[in-house]
Amino acid sequence: VETHPRTHRTGAALATTGVGPDLMQAAKDATRALIDEVAARTGMAPVDAYLLASIAADLKISEVVDVPNWIVSAHLELSYLS
């Protein structure tokens, strides 16, 4: 999923989500999905996608109303993939 370019970022971003009853696990799932998507889109080695995510990705708690589940999203600006 790509975010709309009119966000607080400088442009569109790649976004993935993690959902579950444990906040930390949901964050890990969102991050792993982002790493997989970056590697698939760019041909980058997963370890390199991990390094990129560790310095440039944003994690956000996106939803807390679906008790007991948390929704966490990981965002990476598409400009980092060019």
N, C-alpha and C. Protein backbone atom coordinates (compact mmCIF):
# COMPACT_ATOMS: atom_id res chain seq x y z
N VAL A 1 0.85 -1.17 0.00
CA VAL A 1 0.00 0.00 0.00
C VAL A 1 0.89 1.23 0.00
N GLU A 2 0.61 2.17 -0.87
CA GLU A 2 1.35 3.43 -0.88
C GLU A 2 0.47 4.51 -0.29
N THR A 3 1.06 5.34 0.57
CA THR A 3 0.30 6.42 1.17
C THR A 3 0.08 7.53 0.17
N HIS A 4 -0.92 8.32 0.43
CA HIS A 4 -1.18 9.48 -0.41
C HIS A 4 -0.04 10.47 -0.22
N PRO A 5 0.40 11.14 -1.30
CA PRO A 5 1.53 12.06 -1.17
C PRO A 5 1.28 13.26 -0.27
N ARG A 6 0.03 13.56 0.04
CA ARG A 6 -0.24 14.71 0.91
C ARG A 6 -0.24 14.29 2.38
N THR A 7 0.84 13.70 2.80
CA THR A 7 1.02 13.38 4.21
C THR A 7 2.05 14.34 4.76
N HIS A 8 2.41 14.19 6.02
CA HIS A 8 3.42 15.08 6.58
C HIS A 8 4.81 14.75 6.06
N ARG A 9 4.93 13.67 5.32
CA ARG A 9 6.21 13.32 4.72
C ARG A 9 6.44 14.20 3.49
N THR A 10 7.59 14.05 2.89
CA THR A 10 7.88 14.83 1.69
C THR A 10 7.27 14.20 0.45
N GLY A 11 6.78 12.98 0.55
CA GLY A 11 6.19 12.33 -0.60
C GLY A 11 5.49 11.05 -0.21
N ALA A 12 5.18 10.25 -1.21
CA ALA A 12 4.50 8.99 -0.98
C ALA A 12 5.41 8.03 -0.23
N ALA A 13 4.78 7.09 0.47
CA ALA A 13 5.55 6.12 1.25
C ALA A 13 4.99 4.72 1.05
N LEU A 14 5.85 3.76 1.24
CA LEU A 14 5.46 2.36 1.28
C LEU A 14 5.04 2.08 2.72
N ALA A 15 3.91 1.41 2.90
CA ALA A 15 3.42 1.13 4.26
C ALA A 15 3.00 -0.32 4.38
N THR A 16 3.37 -0.94 5.49
CA THR A 16 2.96 -2.31 5.80
C THR A 16 2.39 -2.32 7.21
N THR A 17 1.63 -3.35 7.54
CA THR A 17 1.02 -3.40 8.86
C THR A 17 1.29 -4.73 9.56
N GLY A 18 1.20 -4.66 10.87
CA GLY A 18 1.22 -5.83 11.73
C GLY A 18 0.03 -5.74 12.66
N VAL A 19 -0.66 -6.85 12.86
CA VAL A 19 -1.87 -6.86 13.68
C VAL A 19 -1.79 -8.00 14.67
N GLY A 20 -2.12 -7.71 15.92
CA GLY A 20 -2.16 -8.78 16.92
C GLY A 20 -2.34 -8.25 18.32
N PRO A 21 -2.51 -9.16 19.28
CA PRO A 21 -2.76 -8.75 20.66
C PRO A 21 -1.52 -8.25 21.39
N ASP A 22 -0.35 -8.51 20.84
CA ASP A 22 0.89 -8.06 21.47
C ASP A 22 1.48 -6.92 20.65
N LEU A 23 1.64 -5.76 21.27
CA LEU A 23 2.13 -4.57 20.56
C LEU A 23 3.50 -4.78 19.94
N MET A 24 4.41 -5.36 20.70
CA MET A 24 5.77 -5.56 20.19
C MET A 24 5.79 -6.53 19.01
N GLN A 25 5.00 -7.58 19.09
CA GLN A 25 4.95 -8.54 17.99
C GLN A 25 4.33 -7.91 16.75
N ALA A 26 3.30 -7.08 16.93
CA ALA A 26 2.70 -6.39 15.79
C ALA A 26 3.72 -5.46 15.14
N ALA A 27 4.54 -4.79 15.94
CA ALA A 27 5.59 -3.91 15.40
C ALA A 27 6.61 -4.73 14.63
N LYS A 28 7.00 -5.88 15.16
CA LYS A 28 7.95 -6.75 14.46
C LYS A 28 7.37 -7.25 13.15
N ASP A 29 6.09 -7.63 13.17
CA ASP A 29 5.45 -8.12 11.95
C ASP A 29 5.39 -7.04 10.88
N ALA A 30 5.06 -5.81 11.27
CA ALA A 30 5.02 -4.70 10.31
C ALA A 30 6.41 -4.44 9.73
N THR A 31 7.42 -4.50 10.58
CA THR A 31 8.79 -4.26 10.13
C THR A 31 9.26 -5.37 9.20
N ARG A 32 8.98 -6.60 9.55
CA ARG A 32 9.36 -7.73 8.69
C ARG A 32 8.67 -7.64 7.33
N ALA A 33 7.41 -7.26 7.33
CA ALA A 33 6.69 -7.12 6.07
C ALA A 33 7.29 -6.00 5.22
N LEU A 34 7.71 -4.92 5.87
CA LEU A 34 8.34 -3.81 5.14
C LEU A 34 9.66 -4.27 4.53
N ILE A 35 10.45 -4.99 5.30
CA ILE A 35 11.74 -5.50 4.79
C ILE A 35 11.51 -6.41 3.60
N ASP A 36 10.54 -7.32 3.70
CA ASP A 36 10.23 -8.22 2.59
C ASP A 36 9.79 -7.46 1.36
N GLU A 37 8.95 -6.44 1.54
CA GLU A 37 8.45 -5.66 0.40
C GLU A 37 9.57 -4.86 -0.26
N VAL A 38 10.44 -4.25 0.55
CA VAL A 38 11.57 -3.49 -0.01
C VAL A 38 12.48 -4.43 -0.80
N ALA A 39 12.78 -5.59 -0.24
CA ALA A 39 13.65 -6.55 -0.93
C ALA A 39 13.01 -7.01 -2.24
N ALA A 40 11.71 -7.27 -2.23
CA ALA A 40 11.02 -7.72 -3.44
C ALA A 40 10.97 -6.64 -4.51
N ARG A 41 10.72 -5.40 -4.11
CA ARG A 41 10.60 -4.31 -5.09
C ARG A 41 11.94 -3.89 -5.68
N THR A 42 13.00 -3.99 -4.90
CA THR A 42 14.28 -3.44 -5.34
C THR A 42 15.32 -4.48 -5.70
N GLY A 43 15.13 -5.72 -5.29
CA GLY A 43 16.16 -6.73 -5.48
C GLY A 43 17.26 -6.62 -4.44
N MET A 44 17.06 -5.74 -3.48
CA MET A 44 18.01 -5.53 -2.39
C MET A 44 18.06 -6.79 -1.52
N ALA A 45 19.22 -7.10 -0.99
CA ALA A 45 19.34 -8.22 -0.05
C ALA A 45 18.52 -7.88 1.20
N PRO A 46 17.86 -8.87 1.79
CA PRO A 46 17.07 -8.60 3.00
C PRO A 46 17.86 -7.90 4.11
N VAL A 47 19.12 -8.24 4.26
CA VAL A 47 19.92 -7.58 5.31
C VAL A 47 20.10 -6.10 5.00
N ASP A 48 20.23 -5.76 3.72
CA ASP A 48 20.34 -4.35 3.34
C ASP A 48 19.01 -3.62 3.52
N ALA A 49 17.91 -4.31 3.20
CA ALA A 49 16.58 -3.72 3.43
C ALA A 49 16.36 -3.50 4.93
N TYR A 50 16.85 -4.41 5.75
CA TYR A 50 16.76 -4.27 7.21
C TYR A 50 17.54 -3.04 7.67
N LEU A 51 18.74 -2.86 7.14
CA LEU A 51 19.55 -1.70 7.52
C LEU A 51 18.87 -0.40 7.10
N LEU A 52 18.30 -0.38 5.90
CA LEU A 52 17.58 0.81 5.44
C LEU A 52 16.39 1.10 6.35
N ALA A 53 15.62 0.08 6.67
CA ALA A 53 14.46 0.26 7.54
C ALA A 53 14.87 0.75 8.92
N SER A 54 16.00 0.27 9.41
CA SER A 54 16.42 0.65 10.76
C SER A 54 16.75 2.13 10.88
N ILE A 55 17.13 2.76 9.77
CA ILE A 55 17.48 4.19 9.85
C ILE A 55 16.43 5.11 9.23
N ALA A 56 15.56 4.58 8.37
CA ALA A 56 14.67 5.48 7.63
C ALA A 56 13.17 5.19 7.80
N ALA A 57 12.82 4.07 8.38
CA ALA A 57 11.39 3.73 8.50
C ALA A 57 10.79 4.34 9.76
N ASP A 58 9.50 4.62 9.70
CA ASP A 58 8.74 5.11 10.85
C ASP A 58 7.74 4.04 11.24
N LEU A 59 7.67 3.75 12.54
CA LEU A 59 6.64 2.85 13.07
C LEU A 59 5.58 3.70 13.75
N LYS A 60 4.33 3.36 13.51
CA LYS A 60 3.23 4.10 14.13
C LYS A 60 2.20 3.11 14.67
N ILE A 61 1.69 3.41 15.85
CA ILE A 61 0.55 2.65 16.36
C ILE A 61 -0.66 3.23 15.64
N SER A 62 -1.23 2.46 14.75
CA SER A 62 -2.28 2.97 13.87
C SER A 62 -3.68 2.82 14.44
N GLU A 63 -3.87 1.80 15.28
CA GLU A 63 -5.22 1.60 15.81
C GLU A 63 -5.15 0.87 17.14
N VAL A 64 -5.94 1.33 18.09
CA VAL A 64 -6.00 0.69 19.40
C VAL A 64 -7.44 0.33 19.79
N VAL A 65 -8.40 0.65 18.95
CA VAL A 65 -9.80 0.47 19.32
C VAL A 65 -10.30 -0.96 19.11
N ASP A 66 -9.54 -1.78 18.42
CA ASP A 66 -9.96 -3.15 18.13
C ASP A 66 -9.43 -4.10 19.20
N VAL A 67 -9.84 -3.85 20.45
CA VAL A 67 -9.35 -4.63 21.59
C VAL A 67 -9.68 -6.10 21.36
N PRO A 68 -8.76 -7.01 21.55
CA PRO A 68 -7.45 -6.84 22.17
C PRO A 68 -6.32 -6.62 21.17
N ASN A 69 -6.63 -6.32 19.92
CA ASN A 69 -5.59 -6.23 18.90
C ASN A 69 -5.05 -4.82 18.72
N TRP A 70 -3.77 -4.77 18.44
CA TRP A 70 -3.08 -3.54 18.06
C TRP A 70 -2.84 -3.59 16.56
N ILE A 71 -2.86 -2.45 15.90
CA ILE A 71 -2.43 -2.36 14.51
C ILE A 71 -1.27 -1.38 14.47
N VAL A 72 -0.14 -1.87 13.98
CA VAL A 72 1.07 -1.07 13.87
C VAL A 72 1.42 -0.97 12.39
N SER A 73 1.79 0.21 11.94
CA SER A 73 2.20 0.37 10.54
C SER A 73 3.65 0.83 10.48
N ALA A 74 4.33 0.33 9.46
CA ALA A 74 5.71 0.72 9.18
C ALA A 74 5.70 1.48 7.87
N HIS A 75 6.29 2.67 7.85
CA HIS A 75 6.29 3.54 6.68
C HIS A 75 7.72 3.82 6.24
N LEU A 76 7.94 3.79 4.92
CA LEU A 76 9.24 4.14 4.35
C LEU A 76 8.98 4.99 3.12
N GLU A 77 9.52 6.19 3.11
CA GLU A 77 9.32 7.07 1.95
C GLU A 77 9.85 6.40 0.69
N LEU A 78 9.07 6.48 -0.38
CA LEU A 78 9.46 5.85 -1.64
C LEU A 78 10.74 6.46 -2.22
N SER A 79 11.03 7.69 -1.86
CA SER A 79 12.25 8.33 -2.38
C SER A 79 13.50 7.58 -1.95
N TYR A 80 13.44 6.84 -0.85
CA TYR A 80 14.59 6.05 -0.41
C TYR A 80 14.83 4.84 -1.31
N LEU A 81 13.86 4.47 -2.12
CA LEU A 81 14.00 3.30 -2.98
C LEU A 81 14.47 3.64 -4.38
N SER A 82 14.64 4.91 -4.68
CA SER A 82 15.06 5.32 -6.03
C SER A 82 16.55 5.23 -6.18
